[in-house]
Amino acid sequence: MVSDVHGAGGLPFECTRCSACCRHEPGLVLLSREDLRRLLGRLGLDFGAFYAKYCRLVPLGGGVAISLRETKEYDCIFWKSGCTVYDARPVQCRTYPFWPGIVDSRTDWIREGRRCPGIGRGPIRNRSEIEEALWEYRRNSPILLDPGTDPEHLDENTILGS
């Protein structure tokens, strides 16, 4: 996959901290169990308080997933002149732009480069680094709840499977 895009050497990418991936466009940041554990620990909140302040439900497959909210300007709820939870940011954020659908083909990589000024510049990210990001992205699937579930009445242990 990665070698199909730019050969075995990897892909050039350097985050410019422009925040284009965090702001100004509607989107979803779907939370995995690992993401939720990290964010709850970082913010010192229980699940109910965290969900009420920072999350919303979105349809996904046959259920609903937990996504971070956005501001009315379509900024991530955690963006304030930069990411306020950077050290605990979700896997989706940590692995960008090395996602399926972006590194699948040269055309996809170039198309995403029109949105992200860091794509195509900076150091070459080697194949193993990219494959690790893809594996982490795939391994941390979003939390999927049954339709009709009211997450505000669920406790942390039920959501996290503890």
Protein backbone atom coordinates (compact mmCIF):
# COMPACT_ATOMS: atom_id res chain seq x y z
CA MET A 1 0.00 0.00 0.00
CA VAL A 2 2.55 2.62 1.09
CA SER A 3 5.04 1.43 -1.51
CA ASP A 4 2.33 1.73 -4.16
CA VAL A 5 1.98 5.46 -3.38
CA HIS A 6 5.60 6.65 -3.46
CA GLY A 7 7.78 3.59 -3.64
CA ALA A 8 9.41 1.75 -0.76
CA GLY A 9 11.04 4.94 0.53
CA GLY A 10 7.96 6.22 2.36
CA LEU A 11 6.06 9.49 2.24
CA PRO A 12 7.12 13.08 2.92
CA PHE A 13 5.16 14.71 5.74
CA GLU A 14 5.81 17.37 8.33
CA CYS A 15 3.02 18.86 10.40
CA THR A 16 2.99 22.63 9.92
CA ARG A 17 0.66 23.16 12.93
CA CYS A 18 -1.74 25.02 10.62
CA SER A 19 -4.71 23.35 12.39
CA ALA A 20 -6.57 22.84 9.08
CA CYS A 21 -7.37 19.28 10.19
CA CYS A 22 -8.89 20.61 13.45
CA ARG A 23 -10.86 23.65 12.30
CA HIS A 24 -13.28 25.33 9.93
CA GLU A 25 -14.89 22.23 8.39
CA PRO A 26 -17.50 19.84 9.73
CA GLY A 27 -16.11 16.45 10.59
CA LEU A 28 -16.10 13.60 13.03
CA VAL A 29 -13.56 12.58 15.62
CA LEU A 30 -14.83 9.15 16.62
CA LEU A 31 -13.61 7.98 20.00
CA SER A 32 -12.20 4.54 20.75
CA ARG A 33 -12.01 3.05 24.23
CA GLU A 34 -8.31 3.95 24.39
CA ASP A 35 -9.13 7.55 23.41
CA LEU A 36 -11.81 7.77 26.08
CA ARG A 37 -9.52 6.39 28.81
CA ARG A 38 -6.78 8.86 27.89
CA LEU A 39 -9.11 11.87 27.72
CA LEU A 40 -10.91 11.03 30.97
CA GLY A 41 -7.55 10.71 32.73
CA ARG A 42 -6.19 13.91 31.23
CA LEU A 43 -9.28 15.95 32.11
CA GLY A 44 -10.02 14.27 35.45
CA LEU A 45 -13.69 13.79 34.57
CA ASP A 46 -16.07 10.88 34.87
CA PHE A 47 -17.72 9.66 31.69
CA GLY A 48 -21.08 11.40 32.30
CA ALA A 49 -19.51 14.83 32.76
CA PHE A 50 -17.13 14.31 29.83
CA TYR A 51 -19.91 13.16 27.50
CA ALA A 52 -22.26 16.01 28.44
CA LYS A 53 -19.61 18.67 27.80
CA TYR A 54 -17.56 17.32 24.91
CA CYS A 55 -19.43 14.62 22.95
CA ARG A 56 -22.31 13.81 20.66
CA LEU A 57 -23.68 10.64 19.10
CA VAL A 58 -23.44 10.00 15.37
CA PRO A 59 -24.90 7.15 13.32
CA LEU A 60 -22.32 4.53 12.33
CA GLY A 61 -23.13 1.20 10.76
CA GLY A 62 -25.98 -0.38 12.70
CA GLY A 63 -25.39 1.67 15.83
CA VAL A 64 -24.21 5.01 17.09
CA ALA A 65 -20.67 6.16 17.79
CA ILE A 66 -19.34 8.75 20.21
CA SER A 67 -17.77 11.74 18.47
CA LEU A 68 -16.24 14.90 19.84
CA ARG A 69 -18.41 17.98 19.47
CA GLU A 70 -17.49 20.93 17.32
CA THR A 71 -17.97 24.63 17.92
CA LYS A 72 -20.43 26.56 15.75
CA GLU A 73 -17.41 27.53 13.60
CA TYR A 74 -16.67 23.80 13.11
CA ASP A 75 -13.55 23.86 15.26
CA CYS A 76 -12.81 20.82 17.40
CA ILE A 77 -14.16 21.34 20.91
CA PHE A 78 -10.58 21.03 22.21
CA TRP A 79 -9.04 23.61 19.85
CA LYS A 80 -8.15 26.95 21.46
CA SER A 81 -5.16 28.48 19.62
CA GLY A 82 -3.94 24.87 19.48
CA CYS A 83 -4.99 21.52 20.86
CA THR A 84 -5.68 21.74 24.59
CA VAL A 85 -5.45 17.94 25.01
CA TYR A 86 -2.51 17.37 22.65
CA ASP A 87 -0.81 14.81 24.90
CA ALA A 88 -4.07 12.82 25.11
CA ARG A 89 -5.48 13.51 21.65
CA PRO A 90 -7.46 10.74 19.96
CA VAL A 91 -5.80 8.12 17.77
CA GLN A 92 -7.58 9.58 14.76
CA CYS A 93 -5.75 12.87 15.37
CA ARG A 94 -2.40 11.28 16.24
CA THR A 95 -2.25 9.15 13.09
CA TYR A 96 -3.31 11.77 10.53
CA PRO A 97 -2.55 11.79 7.56
CA PHE A 98 -1.59 8.12 7.59
CA TRP A 99 -5.12 6.78 7.28
CA PRO A 100 -6.68 4.29 4.90
CA GLY A 101 -8.18 6.31 2.08
CA ILE A 102 -5.31 8.79 2.17
CA VAL A 103 -2.28 6.51 1.73
CA ASP A 104 -4.12 3.99 -0.46
CA SER A 105 -3.03 5.63 -3.71
CA ARG A 106 -0.87 8.41 -5.07
CA THR A 107 -4.05 10.21 -6.21
CA ASP A 108 -5.52 10.07 -2.67
CA TRP A 109 -2.25 11.35 -1.14
CA ILE A 110 -2.05 14.25 -3.60
CA ARG A 111 -5.73 15.12 -3.09
CA GLU A 112 -5.28 15.27 0.69
CA GLY A 113 -2.18 17.40 0.12
CA ARG A 114 -4.46 20.13 -1.24
CA ARG A 115 -6.02 20.39 2.23
CA CYS A 116 -2.89 19.75 4.29
CA PRO A 117 0.24 21.85 3.61
CA GLY A 118 2.41 19.33 5.49
CA ILE A 119 1.80 16.56 2.96
CA GLY A 120 4.59 16.37 0.42
CA ARG A 121 7.09 18.33 2.49
CA GLY A 122 9.50 17.64 5.30
CA PRO A 123 11.19 14.39 6.20
CA ILE A 124 10.31 11.12 4.53
CA ARG A 125 8.23 9.01 6.91
CA ASN A 126 9.44 5.47 6.37
CA ARG A 127 7.21 2.57 5.50
CA SER A 128 7.34 1.01 8.99
CA GLU A 129 6.31 4.29 10.65
CA ILE A 130 3.37 4.64 8.26
CA GLU A 131 2.32 1.00 8.69
CA GLU A 132 2.46 1.46 12.48
CA ALA A 133 0.13 4.48 12.23
CA LEU A 134 -2.26 2.52 9.99
CA TRP A 135 -2.23 -0.40 12.42
CA GLU A 136 -2.91 1.89 15.40
CA TYR A 137 -5.74 3.61 13.50
CA ARG A 138 -7.37 0.29 12.60
CA ARG A 139 -6.80 -1.29 16.03
CA ASN A 140 -8.62 1.52 17.83
CA SER A 141 -12.07 1.21 16.34
CA PRO A 142 -14.75 3.63 17.51
CA ILE A 143 -16.97 2.78 20.46
CA LEU A 144 -20.22 1.53 18.95
CA LEU A 145 -23.42 1.67 21.02
CA ASP A 146 -26.84 0.25 20.27
CA PRO A 147 -29.23 2.75 18.67
CA GLY A 148 -31.40 4.35 21.33
CA THR A 149 -28.70 4.10 24.00
CA ASP A 150 -28.56 7.16 26.25
CA PRO A 151 -24.85 7.48 27.03
CA GLU A 152 -25.51 10.05 29.74
CA HIS A 153 -26.99 7.24 31.80
CA LEU A 154 -24.13 4.82 31.21
CA ASP A 155 -21.21 4.63 33.55
CA GLU A 156 -17.55 4.59 32.60
CA ASN A 157 -17.13 0.89 33.41
CA THR A 158 -19.97 -0.10 31.08
CA ILE A 159 -18.63 2.02 28.21
CA LEU A 160 -15.04 0.90 28.69
CA GLY A 161 -15.87 -2.72 29.38
CA SER A 162 -14.15 -2.65 32.77
